[in-house]
Amino acid sequence: ACQDEMVGRAVSVIAAFHLVQEAPHMRIAAEIGQQAILSRLCRDSLLLEPERLFSLSKWATVLILLVGTTITGSDNFVYLLELLSCLARSSASVHSLSDTTRAFIMEQTRM
């Protein structure tokens, strides 16, 4: 999260959703942040060729948002799950991931 802006934003959004219980005013910021990330992912999925769509950053971001969605009960679960499936399939053609990284992220995806 410290090395990638999109992953960091996803962590911040999920943290904000978690804080809503103690600070209800955080909900609006969390929802706006989540929609901004989802808009970017959607825009990329429409504009980029499939081989350029994949990135470890996007994959980690979707995983983080999915975990948060299971906690918050957001309506974005189905969309995120489909995007995760797409990213997982396209990862097979990416050779820049180390075996350790690929194994870790695939295990997180399976869970």
N, C-alpha and C. Protein backbone atom coordinates (compact mmCIF):
# COMPACT_ATOMS: atom_id res chain seq x y z
N ALA A 1 0.82 -1.19 0.00
CA ALA A 1 0.00 0.00 0.00
C ALA A 1 0.87 1.26 0.00
N CYS A 2 2.04 1.16 0.60
CA CYS A 2 2.93 2.33 0.64
C CYS A 2 3.62 2.55 -0.71
N GLN A 3 3.68 1.53 -1.54
CA GLN A 3 4.40 1.62 -2.81
C GLN A 3 3.49 1.87 -4.00
N ASP A 4 2.18 1.78 -3.81
CA ASP A 4 1.26 1.92 -4.93
C ASP A 4 0.06 2.76 -4.51
N GLU A 5 -0.20 3.81 -5.27
CA GLU A 5 -1.28 4.75 -4.94
C GLU A 5 -2.65 4.09 -4.90
N MET A 6 -2.97 3.26 -5.91
CA MET A 6 -4.30 2.66 -5.96
C MET A 6 -4.50 1.68 -4.81
N VAL A 7 -3.50 0.89 -4.50
CA VAL A 7 -3.60 -0.05 -3.37
C VAL A 7 -3.74 0.74 -2.06
N GLY A 8 -2.97 1.80 -1.93
CA GLY A 8 -3.06 2.64 -0.74
C GLY A 8 -4.44 3.25 -0.58
N ARG A 9 -5.02 3.70 -1.68
CA ARG A 9 -6.38 4.25 -1.63
C ARG A 9 -7.39 3.19 -1.20
N ALA A 10 -7.24 1.98 -1.73
CA ALA A 10 -8.16 0.90 -1.36
C ALA A 10 -8.06 0.60 0.13
N VAL A 11 -6.86 0.56 0.66
CA VAL A 11 -6.68 0.32 2.10
C VAL A 11 -7.33 1.45 2.90
N SER A 12 -7.14 2.69 2.45
CA SER A 12 -7.73 3.84 3.14
C SER A 12 -9.26 3.78 3.11
N VAL A 13 -9.82 3.39 1.98
CA VAL A 13 -11.27 3.30 1.85
C VAL A 13 -11.82 2.25 2.80
N ILE A 14 -11.20 1.10 2.84
CA ILE A 14 -11.68 0.04 3.73
C ILE A 14 -11.51 0.43 5.19
N ALA A 15 -10.40 1.11 5.50
CA ALA A 15 -10.21 1.60 6.86
C ALA A 15 -11.29 2.61 7.22
N ALA A 16 -11.63 3.49 6.29
CA ALA A 16 -12.69 4.48 6.54
C ALA A 16 -14.03 3.78 6.79
N PHE A 17 -14.33 2.75 5.99
CA PHE A 17 -15.58 2.00 6.23
C PHE A 17 -15.56 1.37 7.62
N HIS A 18 -14.41 0.88 8.04
CA HIS A 18 -14.29 0.27 9.37
C HIS A 18 -14.52 1.33 10.46
N LEU A 19 -14.03 2.54 10.24
CA LEU A 19 -14.17 3.60 11.23
C LEU A 19 -15.59 4.17 11.31
N VAL A 20 -16.43 3.87 10.32
CA VAL A 20 -17.79 4.40 10.30
C VAL A 20 -18.56 4.05 11.58
N GLN A 21 -18.26 2.92 12.15
CA GLN A 21 -18.96 2.53 13.39
C GLN A 21 -18.72 3.54 14.50
N GLU A 22 -17.49 4.06 14.57
CA GLU A 22 -17.15 5.03 15.61
C GLU A 22 -17.31 6.47 15.13
N ALA A 23 -17.18 6.68 13.83
CA ALA A 23 -17.26 8.03 13.26
C ALA A 23 -18.15 8.00 12.01
N PRO A 24 -19.46 8.06 12.18
CA PRO A 24 -20.39 7.93 11.06
C PRO A 24 -20.14 8.91 9.91
N HIS A 25 -19.54 10.05 10.19
CA HIS A 25 -19.28 11.03 9.13
C HIS A 25 -18.26 10.53 8.11
N MET A 26 -17.55 9.45 8.41
CA MET A 26 -16.56 8.88 7.50
C MET A 26 -17.21 8.13 6.32
N ARG A 27 -18.48 7.78 6.46
CA ARG A 27 -19.15 6.99 5.42
C ARG A 27 -19.11 7.66 4.06
N ILE A 28 -19.41 8.95 4.01
CA ILE A 28 -19.44 9.65 2.72
C ILE A 28 -18.06 9.63 2.06
N ALA A 29 -17.02 9.90 2.84
CA ALA A 29 -15.66 9.88 2.29
C ALA A 29 -15.30 8.48 1.80
N ALA A 30 -15.69 7.47 2.56
CA ALA A 30 -15.40 6.09 2.17
C ALA A 30 -16.11 5.72 0.88
N GLU A 31 -17.37 6.10 0.77
CA GLU A 31 -18.14 5.78 -0.44
C GLU A 31 -17.61 6.52 -1.66
N ILE A 32 -17.25 7.79 -1.48
CA ILE A 32 -16.68 8.56 -2.59
C ILE A 32 -15.35 7.96 -3.03
N GLY A 33 -14.52 7.58 -2.07
CA GLY A 33 -13.23 6.96 -2.39
C GLY A 33 -13.39 5.64 -3.11
N GLN A 34 -14.33 4.84 -2.64
CA GLN A 34 -14.57 3.55 -3.29
C GLN A 34 -15.08 3.74 -4.71
N GLN A 35 -15.99 4.67 -4.90
CA GLN A 35 -16.51 4.92 -6.25
C GLN A 35 -15.42 5.43 -7.19
N ALA A 36 -14.51 6.24 -6.68
CA ALA A 36 -13.40 6.73 -7.51
C ALA A 36 -12.52 5.58 -7.97
N ILE A 37 -12.23 4.66 -7.08
CA ILE A 37 -11.41 3.49 -7.45
C ILE A 37 -12.16 2.63 -8.45
N LEU A 38 -13.43 2.36 -8.19
CA LEU A 38 -14.22 1.53 -9.10
C LEU A 38 -14.36 2.19 -10.48
N SER A 39 -14.51 3.50 -10.51
CA SER A 39 -14.60 4.22 -11.79
C SER A 39 -13.31 4.06 -12.58
N ARG A 40 -12.20 4.17 -11.89
CA ARG A 40 -10.90 4.01 -12.58
C ARG A 40 -10.75 2.58 -13.11
N LEU A 41 -11.09 1.59 -12.29
CA LEU A 41 -10.99 0.20 -12.75
C LEU A 41 -11.91 -0.05 -13.94
N CYS A 42 -13.12 0.49 -13.87
CA CYS A 42 -14.08 0.32 -14.97
C CYS A 42 -13.56 1.00 -16.23
N ARG A 43 -13.08 2.22 -16.10
CA ARG A 43 -12.55 2.95 -17.26
C ARG A 43 -11.39 2.18 -17.89
N ASP A 44 -10.48 1.67 -17.06
CA ASP A 44 -9.36 0.90 -17.58
C ASP A 44 -9.84 -0.36 -18.30
N SER A 45 -10.87 -1.01 -17.74
CA SER A 45 -11.34 -2.25 -18.37
C SER A 45 -11.98 -1.98 -19.73
N LEU A 46 -12.49 -0.77 -19.93
CA LEU A 46 -13.11 -0.43 -21.20
C LEU A 46 -12.11 0.12 -22.22
N LEU A 47 -11.05 0.76 -21.75
CA LEU A 47 -10.12 1.44 -22.65
C LEU A 47 -8.86 0.65 -22.98
N LEU A 48 -8.44 -0.19 -22.06
CA LEU A 48 -7.17 -0.89 -22.28
C LEU A 48 -7.39 -2.23 -22.95
N GLU A 49 -6.40 -2.64 -23.74
CA GLU A 49 -6.44 -3.97 -24.33
C GLU A 49 -6.28 -4.99 -23.19
N PRO A 50 -6.82 -6.18 -23.35
CA PRO A 50 -6.77 -7.17 -22.27
C PRO A 50 -5.37 -7.40 -21.72
N GLU A 51 -4.36 -7.42 -22.59
CA GLU A 51 -3.00 -7.68 -22.10
C GLU A 51 -2.43 -6.52 -21.31
N ARG A 52 -2.99 -5.31 -21.47
CA ARG A 52 -2.53 -4.15 -20.70
C ARG A 52 -3.40 -3.90 -19.47
N LEU A 53 -4.53 -4.57 -19.40
CA LEU A 53 -5.43 -4.39 -18.27
C LEU A 53 -4.82 -4.94 -16.98
N PHE A 54 -4.13 -6.06 -17.10
CA PHE A 54 -3.62 -6.71 -15.90
C PHE A 54 -2.49 -5.90 -15.26
N SER A 55 -2.55 -5.80 -13.95
CA SER A 55 -1.41 -5.33 -13.17
C SER A 55 -1.58 -5.89 -11.76
N LEU A 56 -0.47 -6.13 -11.12
CA LEU A 56 -0.52 -6.63 -9.74
C LEU A 56 -1.23 -5.63 -8.85
N SER A 57 -1.04 -4.35 -9.14
CA SER A 57 -1.70 -3.29 -8.38
C SER A 57 -3.22 -3.41 -8.47
N LYS A 58 -3.74 -3.60 -9.68
CA LYS A 58 -5.19 -3.73 -9.84
C LYS A 58 -5.70 -4.99 -9.14
N TRP A 59 -4.93 -6.06 -9.26
CA TRP A 59 -5.34 -7.32 -8.64
C TRP A 59 -5.42 -7.16 -7.12
N ALA A 60 -4.39 -6.56 -6.52
CA ALA A 60 -4.38 -6.35 -5.07
C ALA A 60 -5.50 -5.40 -4.66
N THR A 61 -5.73 -4.36 -5.45
CA THR A 61 -6.80 -3.40 -5.15
C THR A 61 -8.15 -4.09 -5.13
N VAL A 62 -8.42 -4.91 -6.11
CA VAL A 62 -9.71 -5.62 -6.18
C VAL A 62 -9.85 -6.57 -4.99
N LEU A 63 -8.78 -7.26 -4.63
CA LEU A 63 -8.84 -8.15 -3.47
C LEU A 63 -9.16 -7.38 -2.19
N ILE A 64 -8.51 -6.25 -2.01
CA ILE A 64 -8.76 -5.43 -0.82
C ILE A 64 -10.21 -4.94 -0.79
N LEU A 65 -10.68 -4.45 -1.93
CA LEU A 65 -12.07 -3.97 -1.98
C LEU A 65 -13.06 -5.11 -1.76
N LEU A 66 -12.75 -6.30 -2.27
CA LEU A 66 -13.65 -7.44 -2.05
C LEU A 66 -13.73 -7.81 -0.58
N VAL A 67 -12.61 -7.83 0.10
CA VAL A 67 -12.62 -8.13 1.53
C VAL A 67 -13.47 -7.10 2.26
N GLY A 68 -13.27 -5.84 1.92
CA GLY A 68 -14.07 -4.78 2.53
C GLY A 68 -15.55 -4.91 2.22
N THR A 69 -15.85 -5.29 1.00
CA THR A 69 -17.24 -5.45 0.58
C THR A 69 -17.94 -6.57 1.34
N THR A 70 -17.22 -7.64 1.64
CA THR A 70 -17.83 -8.72 2.41
C THR A 70 -18.15 -8.26 3.83
N ILE A 71 -17.42 -7.26 4.32
CA ILE A 71 -17.66 -6.74 5.66
C ILE A 71 -18.77 -5.69 5.64
N THR A 72 -18.75 -4.81 4.65
CA THR A 72 -19.71 -3.70 4.61
C THR A 72 -21.02 -4.06 3.93
N GLY A 73 -21.02 -5.13 3.12
CA GLY A 73 -22.23 -5.53 2.42
C GLY A 73 -22.54 -4.64 1.23
N SER A 74 -21.53 -4.10 0.62
CA SER A 74 -21.70 -3.20 -0.53
C SER A 74 -22.31 -3.94 -1.72
N ASP A 75 -22.96 -3.18 -2.59
CA ASP A 75 -23.57 -3.73 -3.80
C ASP A 75 -22.55 -4.04 -4.89
N ASN A 76 -21.30 -3.72 -4.66
CA ASN A 76 -20.27 -3.89 -5.68
C ASN A 76 -19.65 -5.29 -5.70
N PHE A 77 -20.13 -6.18 -4.86
CA PHE A 77 -19.51 -7.50 -4.73
C PHE A 77 -19.45 -8.25 -6.05
N VAL A 78 -20.55 -8.34 -6.76
CA VAL A 78 -20.60 -9.11 -8.00
C VAL A 78 -19.65 -8.52 -9.04
N TYR A 79 -19.66 -7.21 -9.18
CA TYR A 79 -18.77 -6.54 -10.13
C TYR A 79 -17.31 -6.81 -9.78
N LEU A 80 -16.96 -6.68 -8.51
CA LEU A 80 -15.57 -6.92 -8.09
C LEU A 80 -15.17 -8.37 -8.29
N LEU A 81 -16.09 -9.29 -8.02
CA LEU A 81 -15.80 -10.70 -8.21
C LEU A 81 -15.54 -11.02 -9.68
N GLU A 82 -16.32 -10.44 -10.57
CA GLU A 82 -16.10 -10.63 -12.01
C GLU A 82 -14.76 -10.04 -12.44
N LEU A 83 -14.44 -8.87 -11.94
CA LEU A 83 -13.16 -8.24 -12.26
C LEU A 83 -12.00 -9.07 -11.73
N LEU A 84 -12.13 -9.61 -10.53
CA LEU A 84 -11.09 -10.46 -9.96
C LEU A 84 -10.88 -11.70 -10.82
N SER A 85 -11.97 -12.29 -11.27
CA SER A 85 -11.88 -13.47 -12.13
C SER A 85 -11.14 -13.15 -13.42
N CYS A 86 -11.46 -12.02 -14.01
CA CYS A 86 -10.81 -11.58 -15.25
C CYS A 86 -9.32 -11.35 -15.03
N LEU A 87 -8.96 -10.69 -13.95
CA LEU A 87 -7.55 -10.43 -13.65
C LEU A 87 -6.80 -11.73 -13.39
N ALA A 88 -7.42 -12.65 -12.69
CA ALA A 88 -6.76 -13.92 -12.40
C ALA A 88 -6.50 -14.70 -13.69
N ARG A 89 -7.47 -14.70 -14.61
CA ARG A 89 -7.28 -15.40 -15.89
C ARG A 89 -6.18 -14.75 -16.71
N SER A 90 -6.17 -13.43 -16.75
CA SER A 90 -5.17 -12.75 -17.58
C SER A 90 -3.77 -12.81 -16.98
N SER A 91 -3.66 -13.14 -15.71
CA SER A 91 -2.34 -13.18 -15.07
C SER A 91 -1.46 -14.29 -15.63
N ALA A 92 -2.07 -15.29 -16.22
CA ALA A 92 -1.29 -16.40 -16.78
C ALA A 92 -0.34 -15.93 -17.88
N SER A 93 -0.71 -14.85 -18.55
CA SER A 93 0.13 -14.37 -19.64
C SER A 93 1.19 -13.37 -19.17
N VAL A 94 1.20 -13.06 -17.88
CA VAL A 94 2.18 -12.10 -17.33
C VAL A 94 3.35 -12.86 -16.75
N HIS A 95 4.51 -12.62 -17.29
CA HIS A 95 5.70 -13.36 -16.85
C HIS A 95 6.56 -12.55 -15.90
N SER A 96 6.16 -11.32 -15.59
CA SER A 96 6.98 -10.48 -14.72
C SER A 96 6.75 -10.77 -13.24
N LEU A 97 5.72 -11.54 -12.90
CA LEU A 97 5.47 -11.88 -11.50
C LEU A 97 6.39 -13.01 -11.05
N SER A 98 6.96 -12.87 -9.87
CA SER A 98 7.77 -13.97 -9.34
C SER A 98 6.83 -15.11 -8.96
N ASP A 99 7.39 -16.30 -8.89
CA ASP A 99 6.58 -17.46 -8.53
C ASP A 99 5.96 -17.29 -7.14
N THR A 100 6.71 -16.70 -6.23
CA THR A 100 6.22 -16.48 -4.87
C THR A 100 5.05 -15.50 -4.86
N THR A 101 5.20 -14.41 -5.59
CA THR A 101 4.12 -13.41 -5.66
C THR A 101 2.89 -14.01 -6.31
N ARG A 102 3.09 -14.71 -7.42
CA ARG A 102 1.96 -15.33 -8.12
C ARG A 102 1.24 -16.33 -7.21
N ALA A 103 1.99 -17.15 -6.49
CA ALA A 103 1.39 -18.14 -5.60
C ALA A 103 0.60 -17.46 -4.48
N PHE A 104 1.15 -16.39 -3.92
CA PHE A 104 0.47 -15.68 -2.84
C PHE A 104 -0.83 -15.06 -3.33
N ILE A 105 -0.77 -14.34 -4.43
CA ILE A 105 -1.95 -13.62 -4.91
C ILE A 105 -3.02 -14.61 -5.42
N MET A 106 -2.59 -15.73 -5.98
CA MET A 106 -3.55 -16.75 -6.41
C MET A 106 -4.25 -17.37 -5.21
N GLU A 107 -3.50 -17.59 -4.13
CA GLU A 107 -4.12 -18.15 -2.91
C GLU A 107 -5.12 -17.15 -2.32
N GLN A 108 -4.78 -15.87 -2.32
CA GLN A 108 -5.71 -14.86 -1.83
C GLN A 108 -6.96 -14.82 -2.72
N THR A 109 -6.77 -14.99 -4.00
CA THR A 109 -7.89 -15.00 -4.94
C THR A 109 -8.80 -16.20 -4.68
N ARG A 110 -8.21 -17.36 -4.47
CA ARG A 110 -9.01 -18.55 -4.18
C ARG A 110 -9.84 -18.38 -2.91
N MET A 111 -9.23 -17.75 -1.91
CA MET A 111 -9.95 -17.55 -0.63
C MET A 111 -11.11 -16.60 -0.85
